[in-house]
Structure formats: C-alpha cells, structure tokens
Amino acid sequence: MNRFILVFSLVAGMLFSQCACSHASSYGNGGENTIVKTDKPDIPSDRYGKTLSDDIVYANALSIAGGDVGMQCFDILKNGDILACGTRHSALYFQRMTPSGQYRKEMKIWYAAHGTNMSVEEDGEDAYVWTSNYSSRLGGEGDYYAEKIISRVRYQPGVTLMPEDCEDNYYVGPYQNLLVCTDTENDNLCILYSSGEVSGKDTKVVVWSLKEAKKVPVTTVNIGTVVRGGDSGPVAEIETISPDVAVHDLSALKPKYSFFINSVELNDGAPMQGFCIYKKRLYWFTGDGSKRTAKVSVITFNGMVELSQQSLAFIDDKAGIVKLGSKSGYFEAEGIKIRKGILYTGYLWGPTGNWKLTILNN
C-alpha cells in the first residue's frame, strides 16, 4: 500500500505515520524505556514461537461490510464471536461475526476515529463497544485522528450514528489521540494519549477500575475544536465545531496505575497496530504488511518493558500465508487481544474492495 507521513501540531506534539490500514503512533523524540526481565510472564514465551503448522488459525478469510472495509482492530466475545472494526471513507464500522463466517449487520459511526483500538464489554445479551470518538479530519477523506473522547456504545446492527449520538462518554482532560482498551476479567479500563508531561516519554497510560469509571458522575465539558466533513459523509462541507459533550470526567477519579512510555522506541520504525491490557501488563503490537512484520512488546503497569519487539514466528512463513488466501503474501498486523489468558492477533489482506481478515490464536 502507498504510505505517507503527515505532520501536525497537537497538545504535546505528535507524528503519525499511516497507511490505508494502519495507525502508527510516534510522538516526540528521545528518552528510553526501562527494560527489565521476568520469569513469570502472563503469556508464556513459547506462544510467540508458534507457526501456522501449529494450528493457530482461529478465523480466516472473513470480512467487514462484504470486504469494502479493511479491519483495524477486533475483540473476542465470551461465546467466541468476533466483533471487528474498520474504516472506510470517514466512517468507523463495527461488525459481529462467528469464526465460521455468519454475520450480523454492521454498525457505523461517522467521524469517530481511525479505529486503531477498541474493546467490547458484554452486559447480558448486549455488547458494548469502547472506542475513540470525536476525531478530526487531518488530511484527505478518511484521515480522521486526534480523538478527544472515549465512548461506550451499544452494538446495534444496521444502525448509523454520529459522534454526538454516542451518549456514554469518557473524558481525561484536554488531550488528543485517545486510545482505549478494557480487561473486564480484571476490572481494568485503560486509556492512553499523547502527553508532554515527561521529557522523552511521549505517551501517558492510565488504568482505572472499570466499574468505578462507569460510576463517575456525568458533567458537561467543551472538548475544543473538531474538524469534519467535506466528503461522502453526512456533513457535505468541511466544518469546524466546538461541541459541549456530556462525559464521565475521569480526571476526577484516582487511577489504579499511571505511567509514561516512549512509543517511538516501542514502534522501532513500524506502524503501531493496537494494544491490549491483561492483568498488570500492556501488550503493544506493531507490524508492516508489505514487510510482513508482526512484533509484540510487553510493558508492566509500572512502566517497565519486559519484552521488546518480540517477533511472531509465523510471519516468516510466506507460503503458509499465501495458502490462507493472500496471493501476494501481504499480511498487515491489525489488532491484539488477550482473552481468558489466550493471545489473539489479527491481520488484514486482500485487494482494496475485497479486504479479508484473519485472526490467529497464538
């Protein structure tokens, strides 16, 4: 895919390197992450060494919106279903499917986010998507980043929403580039965002009790300017708005953990393709489809790097990837999750307009 670099100013200053299906976060310069070793990892080291011959394919050749939408992230539900998200034009799509390829209709939110990360929280029969929201158009159609809010949205097949239709919102302060992940097994809600508070550490990571975060009283805040429209979406001309949004203000809630990381070092020149949390660790995923790379770094909740850029062994098996359906061997890392102690990673392949997704159970 064609790649380009877009530079712009943010609260702390950020550089995004992006392609049609990746969102690489790298903010600022300098600084190093502290690397430590552990003999008690939550994910055994041999999981990263699994090959395609080890029967690690959880789902293959699935699609979002019939292949029109390239996957950016996914989650695994309690019954084994997949809820995947992706972007097309200026809309963020969510679609639930079984590993065998039975689909529910997609839900979409215009101008919400790029879709780099999302999580699903289940409540009875309902699935709630945690996603970034209120992004701004920073380039051509579909280039929506600088997300200012996290929203919790009930998955409603066939429904189309605007950012302002999302009523359960979470705010961390006057920051941008918010990404979210939940670990419902361990009552954790994690939001990371661009920060200039610590020299050389461009990203702040904050973890709260998920249950307590949802109890924070709702207040109304002005989130600053948002630029949107001027494309095939419902806002015909580009507009700049400054919305007041009803939010749970998490800056008033004491976090369980907070720490800073250097994303430039973690990315090591590759696009950042998502993250997840499990117990007391954060798993940072990078990858480049054209170079066929897929690497995981593991950071403890005190900000120490336990595993740095560990390559997943299967990615070297081009013949196996071609056998899965990618004729060129293109296989873009798109999302990571740990559910019930099992590591899942997602991948995008196929030509534009006929995008396919594969999820591996490492």
Protein backbone atom coordinates (compact mmCIF):
# COMPACT_ATOMS: atom_id res chain seq x y z
CA MET A 1 0.00 0.00 0.00
CA ASN A 2 1.06 3.56 -0.54
CA ARG A 3 2.45 5.15 2.58
CA PHE A 4 2.85 8.76 3.53
CA ILE A 5 3.71 10.82 6.55
CA LEU A 6 1.51 13.51 7.94
CA VAL A 7 2.91 16.02 10.41
CA PHE A 8 0.76 18.25 12.52
CA SER A 9 0.66 20.01 15.88
CA LEU A 10 -1.07 18.58 18.92
CA VAL A 11 -1.16 19.40 22.60
CA ALA A 12 2.11 17.58 23.15
CA GLY A 13 3.22 17.32 19.51
CA MET A 14 2.83 14.04 17.61
CA LEU A 15 3.92 12.35 14.41
CA PHE A 16 1.63 9.84 12.79
CA SER A 17 2.87 7.54 10.05
CA GLN A 18 -0.12 5.97 8.42
CA CYS A 19 -1.32 3.84 5.56
CA ALA A 20 -4.76 2.81 4.41
CA CYS A 21 -4.98 0.23 7.18
CA SER A 22 -2.52 1.27 9.86
CA HIS A 23 -2.18 3.90 12.52
CA ALA A 24 1.37 4.37 13.71
CA SER A 25 1.68 6.44 16.82
CA SER A 26 5.03 8.06 17.47
CA TYR A 27 5.18 11.26 19.45
CA GLY A 28 8.24 13.37 20.15
CA ASN A 29 11.88 12.34 20.34
CA GLY A 30 14.44 10.96 22.75
CA GLY A 31 14.13 9.13 26.02
CA GLU A 32 14.38 5.43 26.60
CA ASN A 33 12.06 2.86 28.12
CA THR A 34 13.48 0.93 31.07
CA ILE A 35 13.85 -2.76 30.20
CA VAL A 36 13.54 -5.47 32.86
CA LYS A 37 13.27 -9.26 32.73
CA THR A 38 10.71 -11.53 34.36
CA ASP A 39 10.44 -15.27 34.89
CA LYS A 40 6.68 -15.08 35.48
CA PRO A 41 5.05 -13.79 32.27
CA ASP A 42 1.27 -13.95 31.84
CA ILE A 43 1.78 -15.19 28.28
CA PRO A 44 4.44 -17.97 28.05
CA SER A 45 7.29 -17.07 25.73
CA ASP A 46 6.72 -20.14 23.56
CA ARG A 47 3.41 -18.66 22.37
CA TYR A 48 5.34 -16.16 20.26
CA GLY A 49 7.16 -19.02 18.55
CA LYS A 50 4.03 -20.72 17.20
CA THR A 51 3.91 -21.36 13.45
CA LEU A 52 0.95 -21.82 11.12
CA SER A 53 1.55 -25.56 11.27
CA ASP A 54 0.72 -25.42 14.99
CA ASP A 55 -2.99 -24.98 14.15
CA ILE A 56 -3.24 -21.41 15.38
CA VAL A 57 -5.83 -20.14 12.87
CA TYR A 58 -8.90 -19.02 14.84
CA ALA A 59 -10.76 -17.50 11.88
CA ASN A 60 -9.80 -16.91 8.25
CA ALA A 61 -10.99 -15.01 5.17
CA LEU A 62 -13.75 -13.14 6.99
CA SER A 63 -14.71 -9.58 6.06
CA ILE A 64 -16.36 -6.37 7.25
CA ALA A 65 -19.22 -4.97 5.12
CA GLY A 66 -18.63 -7.57 2.44
CA GLY A 67 -14.97 -6.66 2.02
CA ASP A 68 -15.43 -2.92 1.46
CA VAL A 69 -13.92 -2.14 4.88
CA GLY A 70 -10.39 -3.02 5.98
CA MET A 71 -10.12 -4.24 9.56
CA GLN A 72 -8.25 -2.08 12.08
CA CYS A 73 -8.97 -3.96 15.29
CA PHE A 74 -11.16 -6.67 16.83
CA ASP A 75 -12.26 -8.33 20.06
CA ILE A 76 -13.33 -11.83 21.04
CA LEU A 77 -16.66 -12.20 22.82
CA LYS A 78 -17.44 -14.68 25.58
CA ASN A 79 -19.20 -17.08 23.20
CA GLY A 80 -16.29 -16.96 20.75
CA ASP A 81 -17.83 -14.49 18.30
CA ILE A 82 -15.63 -11.79 16.77
CA LEU A 83 -16.52 -8.12 16.78
CA ALA A 84 -14.27 -6.38 14.27
CA CYS A 85 -13.93 -2.72 13.40
CA GLY A 86 -12.51 -0.88 10.43
CA THR A 87 -12.70 2.35 8.46
CA ARG A 88 -13.99 3.29 5.03
CA HIS A 89 -14.14 6.87 3.83
CA SER A 90 -14.91 8.78 7.05
CA ALA A 91 -16.95 6.17 8.90
CA LEU A 92 -15.92 3.68 11.55
CA TYR A 93 -17.61 0.30 11.04
CA PHE A 94 -18.29 -2.43 13.62
CA GLN A 95 -19.49 -5.89 12.67
CA ARG A 96 -20.12 -9.04 14.69
CA MET A 97 -19.42 -12.42 13.13
CA THR A 98 -18.78 -16.02 14.05
CA PRO A 99 -15.39 -17.62 13.28
CA SER A 100 -17.18 -19.72 10.65
CA GLY A 101 -18.47 -16.65 8.81
CA GLN A 102 -22.03 -15.94 9.97
CA TYR A 103 -22.56 -12.18 10.09
CA ARG A 104 -24.77 -9.64 11.77
CA LYS A 105 -25.27 -6.28 10.05
CA GLU A 106 -22.60 -3.67 10.60
CA MET A 107 -22.98 -0.57 12.75
CA LYS A 108 -21.14 2.59 11.76
CA ILE A 109 -20.23 5.90 13.36
CA TRP A 110 -19.31 8.83 11.14
CA TYR A 111 -16.21 10.90 12.01
CA ALA A 112 -15.49 8.91 15.17
CA ALA A 113 -11.92 7.65 14.81
CA HIS A 114 -9.42 5.72 12.75
CA GLY A 115 -10.22 2.55 14.66
CA THR A 116 -6.72 1.70 15.83
CA ASN A 117 -8.04 0.18 19.05
CA MET A 118 -11.34 -0.87 20.57
CA SER A 119 -12.71 -3.28 23.15
CA VAL A 120 -16.01 -4.99 23.85
CA GLU A 121 -17.72 -5.17 27.23
CA GLU A 122 -20.65 -7.56 27.49
CA ASP A 123 -23.69 -6.92 29.69
CA GLY A 124 -26.24 -9.71 29.46
CA GLU A 125 -27.24 -10.06 25.82
CA ASP A 126 -25.78 -6.68 24.89
CA ALA A 127 -22.27 -5.98 23.61
CA TYR A 128 -20.86 -2.50 24.26
CA VAL A 129 -18.04 -1.17 22.13
CA TRP A 130 -15.43 1.04 23.80
CA THR A 131 -13.99 3.26 21.07
CA SER A 132 -12.23 6.55 20.46
CA ASN A 133 -14.57 9.34 19.32
CA TYR A 134 -14.70 12.98 18.18
CA SER A 135 -11.71 12.80 15.86
CA SER A 136 -10.72 15.49 13.36
CA ARG A 137 -10.07 15.37 9.65
CA LEU A 138 -6.33 15.88 9.23
CA GLY A 139 -5.92 15.19 5.52
CA GLY A 140 -7.99 13.56 2.83
CA GLU A 141 -11.22 11.66 3.19
CA GLY A 142 -10.86 9.04 5.88
CA ASP A 143 -7.88 10.67 7.60
CA TYR A 144 -9.55 11.08 10.99
CA TYR A 145 -7.30 11.17 14.06
CA ALA A 146 -6.68 13.37 17.15
CA GLU A 147 -9.54 11.69 19.03
CA LYS A 148 -10.63 13.59 22.14
CA ILE A 149 -13.22 11.37 23.81
CA ILE A 150 -13.77 7.69 24.59
CA SER A 151 -17.31 6.43 24.04
CA ARG A 152 -19.10 3.30 25.20
CA VAL A 153 -21.66 2.40 22.54
CA ARG A 154 -24.12 -0.49 22.44
CA TYR A 155 -23.60 -2.56 19.30
CA GLN A 156 -26.75 -2.12 17.22
CA PRO A 157 -26.69 -3.98 13.88
CA GLY A 158 -27.74 -1.83 10.94
CA VAL A 159 -27.59 1.47 12.86
CA THR A 160 -25.69 4.57 11.71
CA LEU A 161 -24.58 7.15 14.29
CA MET A 162 -22.84 10.50 14.53
CA PRO A 163 -20.35 11.25 17.35
CA GLU A 164 -23.00 13.28 19.16
CA ASP A 165 -25.36 10.26 19.15
CA CYS A 166 -22.96 8.41 21.47
CA GLU A 167 -24.29 9.21 24.93
CA ASP A 168 -21.93 7.35 27.30
CA ASN A 169 -18.66 9.30 27.04
CA TYR A 170 -15.39 9.42 29.00
CA TYR A 171 -13.00 12.37 29.23
CA VAL A 172 -9.45 12.54 30.59
CA GLY A 173 -8.70 16.24 30.10
CA PRO A 174 -7.60 18.50 27.22
CA TYR A 175 -5.70 15.75 25.40
CA GLN A 176 -5.85 14.12 21.99
CA ASN A 177 -5.12 10.79 20.32
CA LEU A 178 -7.03 8.81 22.93
CA LEU A 179 -7.00 5.03 22.54
CA VAL A 180 -8.85 2.62 24.81
CA CYS A 181 -8.78 -1.00 25.94
CA THR A 182 -10.65 -2.90 28.65
CA ASP A 183 -9.81 -6.02 30.63
CA THR A 184 -13.17 -6.93 32.12
CA GLU A 185 -11.77 -10.09 33.75
CA ASN A 186 -9.62 -7.90 35.99
CA ASP A 187 -11.83 -4.79 36.21
CA ASN A 188 -9.46 -2.58 34.24
CA LEU A 189 -10.11 0.32 31.88
CA CYS A 190 -7.01 1.67 30.14
CA ILE A 191 -6.74 4.88 28.12
CA LEU A 192 -3.52 6.12 26.57
CA TYR A 193 -2.97 9.51 24.97
CA SER A 194 -0.35 11.98 23.79
CA SER A 195 1.39 13.79 26.65
CA GLY A 196 4.28 16.17 27.06
CA GLU A 197 4.47 15.84 30.84
CA VAL A 198 7.69 13.78 30.92
CA SER A 199 10.66 14.55 28.67
CA GLY A 200 11.33 11.69 26.25
CA LYS A 201 8.17 9.81 27.19
CA ASP A 202 5.51 10.88 24.70
CA THR A 203 2.59 8.70 25.75
CA LYS A 204 0.73 8.56 29.06
CA VAL A 205 -1.02 5.33 30.04
CA VAL A 206 -3.71 5.42 32.75
CA VAL A 207 -5.60 2.46 34.21
CA TRP A 208 -8.78 2.82 36.27
CA SER A 209 -11.26 0.42 37.78
CA LEU A 210 -13.77 -0.19 35.01
CA LYS A 211 -16.63 -0.44 37.48
CA GLU A 212 -15.68 2.79 39.24
CA ALA A 213 -15.16 4.68 35.98
CA LYS A 214 -18.74 3.99 34.95
CA LYS A 215 -19.95 5.40 38.28
CA VAL A 216 -18.25 8.80 37.87
CA PRO A 217 -20.96 11.49 37.75
CA VAL A 218 -21.73 12.99 34.36
CA THR A 219 -20.75 16.58 33.70
CA THR A 220 -20.62 18.71 30.56
CA VAL A 221 -17.30 19.87 29.09
CA ASN A 222 -16.28 21.70 25.96
CA ILE A 223 -13.79 19.47 24.16
CA GLY A 224 -12.36 22.15 21.88
CA THR A 225 -12.35 22.25 18.10
CA VAL A 226 -13.16 19.31 15.86
CA VAL A 227 -12.86 19.42 12.06
CA ARG A 228 -15.04 17.10 9.98
CA GLY A 229 -16.95 16.67 6.73
CA GLY A 230 -16.36 17.69 3.15
CA ASP A 231 -16.54 14.14 1.86
CA SER A 232 -19.06 11.40 1.08
CA GLY A 233 -20.48 11.50 4.61
CA PRO A 234 -23.49 13.34 6.03
CA VAL A 235 -21.62 16.66 6.50
CA ALA A 236 -21.26 17.95 2.95
CA GLU A 237 -18.82 20.82 3.59
CA ILE A 238 -15.83 20.83 5.92
CA GLU A 239 -16.90 22.34 9.23
CA THR A 240 -15.16 23.26 12.48
CA ILE A 241 -17.21 22.72 15.59
CA SER A 242 -16.55 23.14 19.31
CA PRO A 243 -19.02 20.79 20.98
CA ASP A 244 -20.12 20.58 24.59
CA VAL A 245 -20.24 16.90 25.49
CA ALA A 246 -21.77 15.13 28.49
CA VAL A 247 -18.97 12.99 29.94
CA HIS A 248 -17.72 10.98 32.87
CA ASP A 249 -14.68 13.11 33.76
CA LEU A 250 -12.05 10.51 34.69
CA SER A 251 -9.57 13.20 35.72
CA ALA A 252 -11.58 13.31 38.97
CA LEU A 253 -11.14 9.56 39.60
CA LYS A 254 -7.98 8.20 41.22
CA PRO A 255 -6.37 5.70 38.84
CA LYS A 256 -5.13 2.26 39.80
CA TYR A 257 -1.97 2.83 37.74
CA SER A 258 -0.44 5.52 35.54
CA PHE A 259 2.90 5.61 33.74
CA PHE A 260 4.67 7.01 30.67
CA ILE A 261 6.23 5.25 27.70
CA ASN A 262 8.32 6.16 24.67
CA SER A 263 6.24 4.99 21.72
CA VAL A 264 8.97 5.83 19.19
CA GLU A 265 11.21 3.25 20.79
CA LEU A 266 8.44 0.66 21.02
CA ASN A 267 7.46 1.15 17.38
CA ASP A 268 11.06 0.96 16.12
CA GLY A 269 10.07 2.38 12.75
CA ALA A 270 6.99 0.20 12.21
CA PRO A 271 3.34 1.25 12.45
CA MET A 272 1.68 0.79 15.82
CA GLN A 273 -1.20 -1.63 15.20
CA GLY A 274 -3.01 -1.67 18.53
CA PHE A 275 -2.57 -2.62 22.16
CA CYS A 276 -4.31 -4.58 24.88
CA ILE A 277 -4.06 -4.98 28.63
CA TYR A 278 -4.22 -8.14 30.70
CA LYS A 279 -3.81 -8.34 34.46
CA LYS A 280 -0.97 -5.88 35.18
CA ARG A 281 0.66 -5.70 31.76
CA LEU A 282 0.20 -3.79 28.50
CA TYR A 283 0.84 -5.54 25.15
CA TRP A 284 1.96 -3.21 22.34
CA PHE A 285 1.58 -4.51 18.77
CA THR A 286 3.46 -3.30 15.68
CA GLY A 287 3.67 -4.53 12.14
CA ASP A 288 4.19 -3.68 8.49
CA GLY A 289 2.18 -5.67 5.95
CA SER A 290 4.46 -5.02 2.98
CA LYS A 291 7.48 -6.18 5.00
CA ARG A 292 5.49 -8.91 6.78
CA THR A 293 6.47 -7.98 10.31
CA ALA A 294 4.44 -8.56 13.49
CA LYS A 295 6.01 -7.79 16.86
CA VAL A 296 4.83 -7.63 20.47
CA SER A 297 6.31 -5.61 23.31
CA VAL A 298 5.20 -6.13 26.91
CA ILE A 299 5.16 -3.30 29.47
CA THR A 300 4.31 -3.68 33.14
CA PHE A 301 1.91 -1.27 34.84
CA ASN A 302 4.90 0.44 36.47
CA GLY A 303 6.19 1.36 33.01
CA MET A 304 8.96 -1.24 32.70
CA VAL A 305 9.45 -3.05 29.39
CA GLU A 306 9.64 -6.81 29.98
CA LEU A 307 9.70 -7.88 26.34
CA SER A 308 10.84 -5.66 23.50
CA GLN A 309 9.76 -6.16 19.88
CA GLN A 310 9.33 -9.93 20.04
CA SER A 311 8.62 -11.15 16.51
CA LEU A 312 5.83 -13.68 16.00
CA ALA A 313 7.42 -16.69 14.30
CA PHE A 314 4.59 -17.50 11.88
CA ILE A 315 5.08 -14.22 9.99
CA ASP A 316 8.15 -15.64 8.23
CA ASP A 317 6.04 -18.36 6.60
CA LYS A 318 5.09 -16.65 3.35
CA ALA A 319 3.98 -19.91 1.76
CA GLY A 320 1.62 -20.54 4.67
CA ILE A 321 0.22 -17.02 4.46
CA VAL A 322 -0.36 -17.44 0.72
CA LYS A 323 -2.19 -20.69 1.48
CA LEU A 324 -4.52 -18.75 3.78
CA GLY A 325 -5.57 -16.71 0.73
CA SER A 326 -3.20 -13.75 0.45
CA LYS A 327 -1.81 -14.31 -3.03
CA SER A 328 0.94 -11.71 -2.61
CA GLY A 329 1.81 -12.71 0.94
CA TYR A 330 0.70 -9.29 2.20
CA PHE A 331 -0.43 -9.69 5.82
CA GLU A 332 -0.90 -6.49 7.82
CA ALA A 333 -1.00 -6.76 11.61
CA GLU A 334 -4.29 -5.25 12.84
CA GLY A 335 -5.13 -5.69 16.49
CA ILE A 336 -4.20 -7.71 19.55
CA LYS A 337 -6.27 -9.10 22.41
CA ILE A 338 -5.81 -11.43 25.37
CA ARG A 339 -9.00 -13.11 26.48
CA LYS A 340 -9.11 -15.79 29.20
CA GLY A 341 -5.33 -15.95 29.05
CA ILE A 342 -5.24 -16.63 25.30
CA LEU A 343 -3.34 -14.33 22.92
CA TYR A 344 -5.15 -13.38 19.71
CA THR A 345 -3.68 -11.30 16.89
CA GLY A 346 -5.45 -10.01 13.78
CA TYR A 347 -4.33 -9.47 10.17
CA LEU A 348 -5.65 -7.78 7.04
CA TRP A 349 -5.04 -8.94 3.47
CA GLY A 350 -6.56 -8.85 0.01
CA PRO A 351 -7.07 -6.16 -2.63
CA THR A 352 -8.93 -2.92 -1.97
CA GLY A 353 -12.66 -3.57 -2.10
CA ASN A 354 -12.24 -7.22 -1.20
CA TRP A 355 -10.47 -6.99 2.14
CA LYS A 356 -10.20 -10.14 4.21
CA LEU A 357 -9.26 -10.66 7.84
CA THR A 358 -7.54 -13.48 9.67
CA ILE A 359 -7.35 -13.96 13.42
CA LEU A 360 -4.70 -16.20 14.91
CA ASN A 361 -4.83 -17.85 18.31
CA ASN A 362 -1.21 -17.73 19.42
